[in-house]
């Protein structure tokens, strides 16, 4: 009887914890994302569903749903919730899309995309982060996400072309291999500018073989890490 009560108590604590995080996600979406004008329904559903706290180190989980980036180790961060939602909405993901992400980090942006599109391919140059992202995504059964440790500058040619590309680190220029791997009619979002400075979040569109770019907003992202 005593053991049964212990298990019941643990179950209640677990359920309460899950309810608390679910409430935090709802507040995050309503106060940080909808309040700033984002209305893409699939993105909003994904942001409400994916457990963001599981993609940050245990020491940072109390900050997981705050309106700011959270460190994940190795000099990297998980982006501010609004920025994740904004970048997702801008590339206009569809259920039949195949999307490339550059800079998997902890896997959170890939997890959001996985709830909307058919396949997500994500590259991470830091092996420890790539392995961590792979483990969390597998544990949550986000089975349509493929993770590889590689220099994101060159993209994932054998898996392309892609309907959309999301780059989550600041590059000094738009990598030509990524442009080549973008489908006709596809969209890429990428922060462009000098490391540790204010950068421009750029929308890149491929139409009739031509490339159009547009600056959307000022941002600050961690640098685009290269292998050499």
Protein backbone atom coordinates (compact mmCIF):
# COMPACT_ATOMS: atom_id res chain seq x y z
CA UNK A 1 0.00 0.00 0.00
CA UNK A 2 2.83 2.39 0.91
CA UNK A 3 4.59 1.77 -2.43
CA UNK A 4 1.32 2.41 -4.29
CA UNK A 5 0.97 5.78 -2.56
CA UNK A 6 4.55 6.69 -3.50
CA UNK A 7 3.88 5.96 -7.18
CA UNK A 8 0.63 7.92 -7.02
CA UNK A 9 2.49 10.89 -5.51
CA UNK A 10 5.15 10.75 -8.24
CA UNK A 11 2.41 10.61 -10.90
CA UNK A 12 0.71 13.68 -9.42
CA UNK A 13 4.00 15.61 -9.38
CA UNK A 14 4.74 14.62 -12.99
CA UNK A 15 1.25 15.59 -14.16
CA UNK A 16 1.41 18.91 -12.33
CA UNK A 17 4.79 19.63 -13.90
CA UNK A 18 3.49 18.83 -17.39
CA UNK A 19 0.43 21.01 -16.82
CA UNK A 20 2.66 23.85 -15.66
CA UNK A 21 4.83 23.66 -18.78
CA UNK A 22 1.74 23.44 -20.99
CA UNK A 23 0.40 26.61 -19.38
CA UNK A 24 3.74 28.33 -19.92
CA UNK A 25 3.67 27.40 -23.60
CA UNK A 26 0.16 28.81 -24.00
CA UNK A 27 1.22 32.05 -22.34
CA UNK A 28 4.37 32.16 -24.49
CA UNK A 29 2.28 31.89 -27.66
CA UNK A 30 -0.40 34.39 -26.60
CA UNK A 31 1.85 37.03 -24.99
CA UNK A 32 5.06 36.78 -27.03
CA UNK A 33 3.95 35.58 -30.45
CA UNK A 34 0.29 36.34 -31.17
CA UNK A 35 0.63 39.69 -29.40
CA UNK A 36 3.32 40.65 -31.93
CA UNK A 37 1.07 39.85 -34.86
CA UNK A 38 2.06 36.36 -35.96
CA UNK A 39 -0.96 34.42 -37.24
CA UNK A 40 0.36 31.33 -39.08
CA UNK A 41 -1.84 28.66 -37.52
CA UNK A 42 0.49 25.70 -38.07
CA UNK A 43 3.36 27.60 -36.48
CA UNK A 44 1.26 28.63 -33.49
CA UNK A 45 0.13 25.03 -32.95
CA UNK A 46 3.70 23.76 -33.11
CA UNK A 47 4.91 26.40 -30.66
CA UNK A 48 2.14 25.36 -28.24
CA UNK A 49 2.90 21.67 -28.65
CA UNK A 50 6.70 21.24 -28.67
CA UNK A 51 8.13 21.08 -25.10
CA UNK A 52 10.72 23.84 -25.38
CA UNK A 53 12.05 23.17 -21.86
CA UNK A 54 13.35 19.76 -22.97
CA UNK A 55 15.64 21.46 -25.51
CA UNK A 56 17.56 23.50 -22.94
CA UNK A 57 19.96 22.29 -20.23
CA UNK A 58 18.33 21.40 -16.92
CA UNK A 59 19.92 24.45 -15.29
CA UNK A 60 18.13 26.74 -17.75
CA UNK A 61 14.66 25.20 -17.79
CA UNK A 62 13.16 27.85 -15.55
CA UNK A 63 14.01 30.35 -18.32
CA UNK A 64 12.87 28.15 -21.22
CA UNK A 65 9.65 30.07 -21.90
CA UNK A 66 11.00 33.55 -21.23
CA UNK A 67 11.08 36.16 -24.00
CA UNK A 68 14.80 35.78 -24.73
CA UNK A 69 17.43 33.32 -26.02
CA UNK A 70 18.73 30.65 -23.62
CA UNK A 71 22.33 29.32 -23.59
CA UNK A 72 22.69 25.64 -24.53
CA UNK A 73 26.46 25.31 -24.15
CA UNK A 74 29.41 25.53 -26.55
CA UNK A 75 28.78 29.25 -27.00
CA UNK A 76 25.40 28.59 -28.65
CA UNK A 77 21.82 29.55 -27.75
CA UNK A 78 18.27 28.45 -28.38
CA UNK A 79 16.63 31.44 -30.07
CA UNK A 80 13.97 33.66 -28.52
CA UNK A 81 10.52 32.05 -29.02
CA UNK A 82 9.24 34.93 -31.16
CA UNK A 83 12.22 34.68 -33.52
CA UNK A 84 11.72 30.92 -33.93
CA UNK A 85 8.05 31.48 -34.75
CA UNK A 86 8.77 34.43 -37.04
CA UNK A 87 11.39 32.56 -39.07
CA UNK A 88 9.08 29.57 -39.36
CA UNK A 89 6.12 31.66 -40.53
CA UNK A 90 8.20 33.59 -43.07
CA UNK A 91 9.28 30.51 -45.04
CA UNK A 92 5.58 29.52 -45.29
CA UNK A 93 6.00 25.80 -44.51
CA UNK A 94 3.50 23.34 -46.01
CA UNK A 95 2.67 19.71 -45.07
CA UNK A 96 4.39 18.31 -48.19
CA UNK A 97 7.56 20.42 -47.82
CA UNK A 98 11.12 19.27 -47.28
CA UNK A 99 13.07 21.81 -45.22
CA UNK A 100 16.78 22.26 -44.52
CA UNK A 101 17.93 23.86 -41.28
CA UNK A 102 21.48 25.09 -40.76
CA UNK A 103 22.51 25.15 -37.11
CA UNK A 104 20.55 22.45 -35.30
CA UNK A 105 21.75 23.56 -31.87
CA UNK A 106 19.60 21.69 -29.37
CA UNK A 107 17.07 20.68 -32.05
CA UNK A 108 14.23 23.04 -31.11
CA UNK A 109 13.76 24.83 -34.45
CA UNK A 110 13.86 21.46 -36.23
CA UNK A 111 11.24 20.13 -33.81
CA UNK A 112 8.93 23.06 -34.58
CA UNK A 113 9.33 22.52 -38.32
CA UNK A 114 8.78 18.78 -37.93
CA UNK A 115 5.24 19.41 -36.70
CA UNK A 116 4.39 21.24 -39.92
CA UNK A 117 6.34 19.75 -42.84
CA UNK A 118 7.00 16.28 -44.26
CA UNK A 119 10.78 16.09 -43.72
CA UNK A 120 13.39 18.20 -41.90
CA UNK A 121 17.12 17.91 -42.55
CA UNK A 122 19.26 19.72 -40.01
CA UNK A 123 23.03 20.24 -39.87
CA UNK A 124 25.12 21.03 -36.79
CA UNK A 125 28.89 21.49 -36.87
CA UNK A 126 29.44 20.89 -33.12
CA UNK A 127 29.32 17.10 -32.60
CA UNK A 128 28.15 17.27 -28.97
CA UNK A 129 25.18 19.47 -29.89
CA UNK A 130 24.32 17.31 -32.90
CA UNK A 131 24.27 14.17 -30.76
CA UNK A 132 22.22 15.90 -28.06
CA UNK A 133 19.68 17.15 -30.60
CA UNK A 134 19.45 13.70 -32.17
CA UNK A 135 18.78 12.11 -28.78
CA UNK A 136 16.05 14.56 -27.73
CA UNK A 137 14.31 14.43 -31.11
CA UNK A 138 14.37 10.62 -31.04
CA UNK A 139 13.07 10.49 -27.47
CA UNK A 140 10.15 12.73 -28.46
CA UNK A 141 9.55 10.57 -31.56
CA UNK A 142 10.03 13.40 -34.03
CA UNK A 143 10.97 10.77 -36.58
CA UNK A 144 10.81 13.01 -39.65
CA UNK A 145 13.92 14.95 -38.55
CA UNK A 146 17.33 13.90 -39.91
CA UNK A 147 20.41 15.22 -38.08
CA UNK A 148 23.96 15.29 -39.43
CA UNK A 149 27.21 16.69 -38.08
CA UNK A 150 28.67 18.84 -40.88
CA UNK A 151 29.65 22.33 -42.00
CA UNK A 152 26.32 23.95 -42.87
CA UNK A 153 27.89 26.27 -45.46
CA UNK A 154 27.71 23.45 -48.01
CA UNK A 155 24.17 22.39 -47.12
CA UNK A 156 22.99 18.80 -47.62
CA UNK A 157 23.26 18.34 -51.38
CA UNK A 158 22.26 14.69 -51.58
CA UNK A 159 19.00 15.41 -49.71
CA UNK A 160 18.08 18.50 -51.72
CA UNK A 161 16.61 20.46 -53.29
CA UNK A 162 14.56 22.00 -50.48
CA UNK A 163 11.28 23.91 -50.40
CA UNK A 164 12.66 26.10 -47.63
CA UNK A 165 15.94 26.70 -45.81
CA UNK A 166 16.19 28.13 -42.29
CA UNK A 167 19.61 29.35 -41.14
CA UNK A 168 19.95 29.97 -37.40
CA UNK A 169 23.45 31.49 -37.29
CA UNK A 170 24.78 34.75 -38.71
CA UNK A 171 26.74 34.44 -41.95
CA UNK A 172 28.83 37.21 -43.48
CA UNK A 173 27.23 36.40 -46.85
CA UNK A 174 24.58 34.05 -48.22
CA UNK A 175 26.33 30.73 -49.00
CA UNK A 176 26.04 29.93 -52.74
CA UNK A 177 25.58 26.16 -52.08
CA UNK A 178 22.42 26.96 -50.10
CA UNK A 179 21.04 29.07 -52.93
CA UNK A 180 21.74 26.18 -55.33
CA UNK A 181 19.86 23.74 -53.07
CA UNK A 182 16.77 25.97 -52.82
CA UNK A 183 13.90 24.81 -55.05
CA UNK A 184 12.30 27.02 -57.64
CA UNK A 185 9.70 29.03 -55.72
CA UNK A 186 11.48 28.26 -52.44
CA UNK A 187 12.32 30.58 -49.55
CA UNK A 188 15.35 30.88 -47.34
CA UNK A 189 15.66 32.95 -44.18
CA UNK A 190 19.14 33.80 -42.94
CA UNK A 191 20.77 36.40 -40.66
CA UNK A 192 23.53 38.18 -42.57
CA UNK A 193 26.19 40.41 -41.04
CA UNK A 194 29.33 40.56 -38.95
CA UNK A 195 29.73 38.26 -35.94
CA UNK A 196 28.79 39.72 -32.54
CA UNK A 197 27.21 42.76 -34.24
CA UNK A 198 23.66 43.61 -35.28
CA UNK A 199 22.76 41.66 -38.42
CA UNK A 200 19.95 41.78 -40.97
CA UNK A 201 17.47 38.93 -41.11
CA UNK A 202 17.20 38.33 -44.85
CA UNK A 203 14.48 36.63 -46.87
CA UNK A 204 15.86 34.96 -50.01
CA UNK A 205 13.43 33.82 -52.72
CA UNK A 206 14.11 31.92 -55.92
CA UNK A 207 11.73 32.78 -58.77
CA UNK A 208 12.23 31.79 -62.41
CA UNK A 209 15.89 31.11 -61.75
CA UNK A 210 16.45 34.55 -60.25
CA UNK A 211 17.23 35.38 -56.63
CA UNK A 212 15.43 38.13 -54.74
CA UNK A 213 16.54 39.27 -51.29
CA UNK A 214 14.79 41.45 -48.74
CA UNK A 215 15.89 42.66 -45.33
CA UNK A 216 13.20 41.97 -42.72
CA UNK A 217 14.56 43.16 -39.37
CA UNK A 218 17.67 43.76 -37.28
CA UNK A 219 18.73 40.72 -35.23
CA UNK A 220 21.67 39.35 -33.25
CA UNK A 221 22.59 35.70 -33.82
CA UNK A 222 25.62 33.65 -32.83
CA UNK A 223 28.21 33.41 -35.64
CA UNK A 224 28.00 30.87 -38.44
CA UNK A 225 30.70 28.40 -37.41
CA UNK A 226 32.88 26.92 -40.16
CA UNK A 227 35.07 23.83 -40.24
CA UNK A 228 38.10 25.84 -41.40
